[in-house]
Protein backbone atom coordinates (compact mmCIF):
# COMPACT_ATOMS: atom_id res chain seq x y z
CA MET A 1 101.20 71.15 107.91
CA PRO A 2 98.70 69.62 105.41
CA LEU A 3 99.75 69.46 101.76
CA GLU A 4 96.75 71.60 100.78
CA LEU A 5 97.91 74.43 103.04
CA TRP A 6 101.44 74.26 101.62
CA THR A 7 99.95 74.48 98.13
CA PHE A 8 97.91 77.51 99.18
CA LEU A 9 100.97 79.18 100.74
CA ILE A 10 103.07 78.75 97.61
CA ALA A 11 100.35 79.92 95.24
CA ILE A 12 99.31 82.91 97.36
CA THR A 13 102.95 83.97 97.86
CA LEU A 14 103.60 83.93 94.13
CA LEU A 15 100.39 85.88 93.53
CA THR A 16 101.35 88.45 96.16
CA MET A 17 104.80 88.97 94.63
CA THR A 18 103.38 89.53 91.15
CA PRO A 19 103.44 93.28 90.39
CA GLY A 20 100.04 94.86 89.83
CA ALA A 21 97.87 97.81 90.74
CA ASP A 22 98.32 97.25 94.49
CA THR A 23 102.11 97.28 94.14
CA MET A 24 102.04 100.52 92.16
CA ILE A 25 99.80 102.21 94.74
CA VAL A 26 102.16 101.22 97.56
CA ILE A 27 105.15 102.57 95.61
CA ARG A 28 103.28 105.77 94.75
CA ASN A 29 102.10 106.42 98.29
CA THR A 30 105.46 105.60 99.87
CA LEU A 31 107.08 108.15 97.60
CA ARG A 32 104.31 110.59 98.47
CA GLY A 33 104.32 110.34 102.24
CA GLY A 34 107.09 108.01 103.36
CA ALA A 35 107.02 104.65 105.12
CA ARG A 36 103.87 105.43 107.16
CA ASP A 37 101.93 106.25 104.01
CA GLY A 38 103.08 103.06 102.33
CA LEU A 39 102.40 100.85 105.35
CA VAL A 40 98.90 102.20 105.94
CA SER A 41 98.13 101.84 102.22
CA SER A 42 99.36 98.23 102.47
CA LEU A 43 97.12 97.70 105.48
CA GLY A 44 94.14 98.95 103.48
CA ILE A 45 95.02 96.67 100.58
CA CYS A 46 95.36 93.62 102.82
CA LEU A 47 92.16 94.39 104.74
CA GLY A 48 90.35 94.19 101.41
CA LEU A 49 91.28 90.49 101.28
CA PHE A 50 88.83 89.79 104.10
CA VAL A 51 86.05 91.37 102.03
CA HIS A 52 86.85 89.05 99.12
CA ALA A 53 87.01 86.04 101.44
CA THR A 54 83.63 86.89 102.95
CA LEU A 55 82.01 87.46 99.55
CA SER A 56 83.45 84.21 98.28
CA ALA A 57 82.20 82.26 101.28
CA VAL A 58 78.63 83.58 101.12
CA GLY A 59 78.44 83.22 97.36
CA ILE A 60 77.98 86.87 96.44
CA SER A 61 81.08 86.64 94.27
CA ALA A 62 79.22 84.08 92.14
CA ILE A 63 76.76 86.81 91.19
CA LEU A 64 79.61 89.02 90.01
CA LEU A 65 81.25 86.09 88.25
CA TYR A 66 78.17 85.02 86.29
CA SER A 67 76.32 88.32 85.90
CA ALA A 68 77.75 90.28 82.97
CA THR A 69 76.12 93.51 84.14
CA ALA A 70 77.41 93.29 87.71
CA PHE A 71 80.87 92.27 86.53
CA MET A 72 81.09 95.09 83.99
CA LEU A 73 79.93 97.62 86.58
CA LEU A 74 82.57 96.56 89.09
CA LYS A 75 85.26 96.40 86.41
CA THR A 76 84.38 99.88 85.16
CA ILE A 77 84.49 101.36 88.67
CA GLY A 78 87.84 99.68 89.35
CA ALA A 79 89.28 100.86 86.03
CA LEU A 80 88.13 104.43 86.61
CA TYR A 81 89.65 104.40 90.09
CA LEU A 82 93.03 103.27 88.70
CA LEU A 83 92.82 105.94 86.01
CA TRP A 84 92.11 108.58 88.66
CA LEU A 85 95.13 107.48 90.72
CA GLY A 86 97.31 107.44 87.62
CA LEU A 87 96.22 110.92 86.58
CA SER A 88 96.89 112.14 90.12
CA SER A 89 100.48 110.87 89.85
CA LEU A 90 100.93 112.54 86.47
CA ARG A 91 99.54 115.77 87.91
CA SER A 92 102.17 115.57 90.67
CA PHE A 93 104.78 115.04 87.97
CA TRP A 94 103.73 118.13 86.04
CA ASN A 95 103.39 120.24 89.19
CA ALA A 96 106.90 119.21 90.26
CA LYS A 97 108.29 120.21 86.88
CA ARG A 98 107.01 123.75 87.43
CA MET A 99 108.71 123.98 90.83
CA HIS A 100 112.27 125.20 91.17
CA GLN A 101 113.15 123.81 94.58
CA LYS A 102 116.00 121.31 94.80
CA ALA A 103 114.02 118.55 96.48
CA VAL A 104 110.40 117.57 96.27
CA GLU A 105 108.74 117.89 99.66
CA LYS A 106 106.55 115.05 100.91
CA LYS A 107 102.87 115.67 101.28
CA PRO A 108 101.31 115.60 104.79
CA PHE A 109 100.46 112.07 105.87
CA SER A 110 96.77 111.24 106.23
CA PHE A 111 95.94 107.87 107.80
CA TRP A 112 92.42 107.64 106.38
CA THR A 113 93.42 108.79 102.89
CA SER A 114 96.15 106.16 102.69
CA LEU A 115 93.90 103.46 104.18
CA HIS A 116 90.96 104.04 101.87
CA GLU A 117 93.15 104.32 98.76
CA GLY A 118 94.68 100.94 99.49
CA PHE A 119 91.37 99.38 100.53
CA LEU A 120 89.46 100.55 97.46
CA SER A 121 92.23 99.53 95.07
CA ASN A 122 91.88 95.95 96.31
CA VAL A 123 88.12 95.72 96.86
CA LEU A 124 87.33 97.20 93.43
CA ASN A 125 89.65 94.76 91.66
CA PRO A 126 87.47 92.14 89.93
CA LYS A 127 90.50 89.92 89.40
CA ALA A 128 90.84 89.52 93.16
CA ILE A 129 87.16 88.59 93.46
CA ILE A 130 87.38 86.00 90.70
CA PHE A 131 90.63 84.61 92.14
CA TYR A 132 89.09 84.14 95.57
CA MET A 133 85.92 82.67 94.09
CA ALA A 134 87.82 80.15 91.97
CA PHE A 135 90.81 79.45 94.23
CA LEU A 136 89.60 79.41 97.84
CA PRO A 137 86.93 76.67 97.45
CA GLN A 138 89.72 74.18 96.64
CA PHE A 139 90.93 74.55 100.23
CA ILE A 140 87.57 74.67 101.97
CA SER A 141 86.34 71.57 103.82
CA HIS A 142 82.60 70.90 103.86
CA ASP A 143 82.93 69.64 107.42
CA HIS A 144 83.54 73.11 108.84
CA SER A 145 82.29 76.67 108.40
CA ALA A 146 83.12 77.97 104.93
CA LEU A 147 83.22 81.55 106.22
CA ALA A 148 85.63 80.73 109.07
CA GLN A 149 87.94 78.81 106.77
CA SER A 150 87.86 81.55 104.12
CA LEU A 151 88.72 84.20 106.69
CA PHE A 152 91.57 82.03 108.01
CA LEU A 153 93.02 81.70 104.50
CA ALA A 154 92.58 85.44 104.01
CA LEU A 155 94.49 85.98 107.26
CA ILE A 156 97.40 83.96 105.87
CA HIS A 157 97.25 86.03 102.68
CA PHE A 158 97.10 89.18 104.84
CA ILE A 159 100.31 88.24 106.70
CA ILE A 160 102.17 87.33 103.51
CA GLY A 161 100.95 90.50 101.80
CA MET A 162 102.02 92.77 104.65
CA ILE A 163 105.46 91.14 104.83
CA TRP A 164 106.04 91.46 101.08
CA LEU A 165 104.78 95.04 100.83
CA GLY A 166 106.73 95.91 103.97
CA LEU A 167 109.92 94.68 102.28
CA LEU A 168 109.04 96.75 99.23
CA ILE A 169 108.53 99.85 101.38
CA TYR A 170 111.81 99.23 103.22
CA THR A 171 113.62 99.02 99.89
CA ILE A 172 112.16 102.34 98.80
CA VAL A 173 112.86 104.08 102.10
CA SER A 174 116.41 102.71 102.30
CA THR A 175 117.21 104.54 99.06
CA HIS A 176 115.78 107.76 100.53
CA SER A 177 118.55 110.10 99.40
CA PHE A 178 118.29 108.77 95.86
CA ILE A 179 114.50 108.71 95.72
CA THR A 180 114.08 112.27 96.98
CA ARG A 181 116.16 113.76 94.20
CA LYS A 182 113.91 115.97 92.15
CA SER A 183 114.63 114.31 88.82
CA VAL A 184 114.22 110.79 90.24
CA ARG A 185 111.00 111.65 92.07
CA GLN A 186 109.52 113.26 88.96
CA SER A 187 110.43 110.22 86.87
CA LEU A 188 108.87 107.82 89.39
CA ASP A 189 105.69 109.91 89.55
CA ALA A 190 105.48 109.81 85.77
CA ILE A 191 106.20 106.07 85.56
CA SER A 192 103.73 105.11 88.30
CA GLY A 193 101.08 107.35 86.73
CA VAL A 194 101.52 105.84 83.27
CA VAL A 195 101.54 102.26 84.65
CA MET A 196 98.35 102.80 86.69
CA ILE A 197 96.60 104.39 83.71
CA ALA A 198 97.71 101.45 81.55
CA LEU A 199 96.40 98.99 84.16
CA GLY A 200 93.11 100.88 84.29
CA ILE A 201 92.74 100.82 80.50
CA ARG A 202 93.69 97.15 80.38
CA LEU A 203 91.16 96.32 83.07
CA PHE A 204 88.46 98.29 81.26
CA LEU A 205 89.14 96.62 77.90
CA GLU A 206 89.45 93.05 79.20
CA LYS A 207 86.71 90.67 78.20
CA ARG A 208 84.57 89.09 80.86
């Protein structure tokens, strides 16, 4: 395997394992609807990588990178989306507090809801766009199609992302009896809500 590909694998693995908005959404949705919810949300997140790879290859990301207006618009939309998800988690927390049942029931699983939540959380993340724009070209050869190479690298990132998020989901599901306790579930809803709101505010306040 070429040294450049090993470098990419190491860097992309470390990036994938770094907690962020995508991680919080997977945790939130796994707690909400179980392993299926978490896995489909992860699929949506990882499918978004191909969008970033395509944009990077055709140069559209450069417009977002160097246009203050376009960048601010995308950043604002992404921040508002994180805030909305965070507020939804806090609403679940407050609703659960008003319930008197011993365990918190899971919400019905919806494939498309989980998929689009994961997909949008990744596609609307300007950090991912900038990362792909700045990082991928270092591994692109001018002798071959930039789009094909970008999609291949995104595929590697997709596989690593699904494996890592799958392990995270397995960890959550394996502690099922602990997680489904009312007090624990309420606390996790509150924590995930606060973290996503904080990430949204941080994203909104970050300088270009």
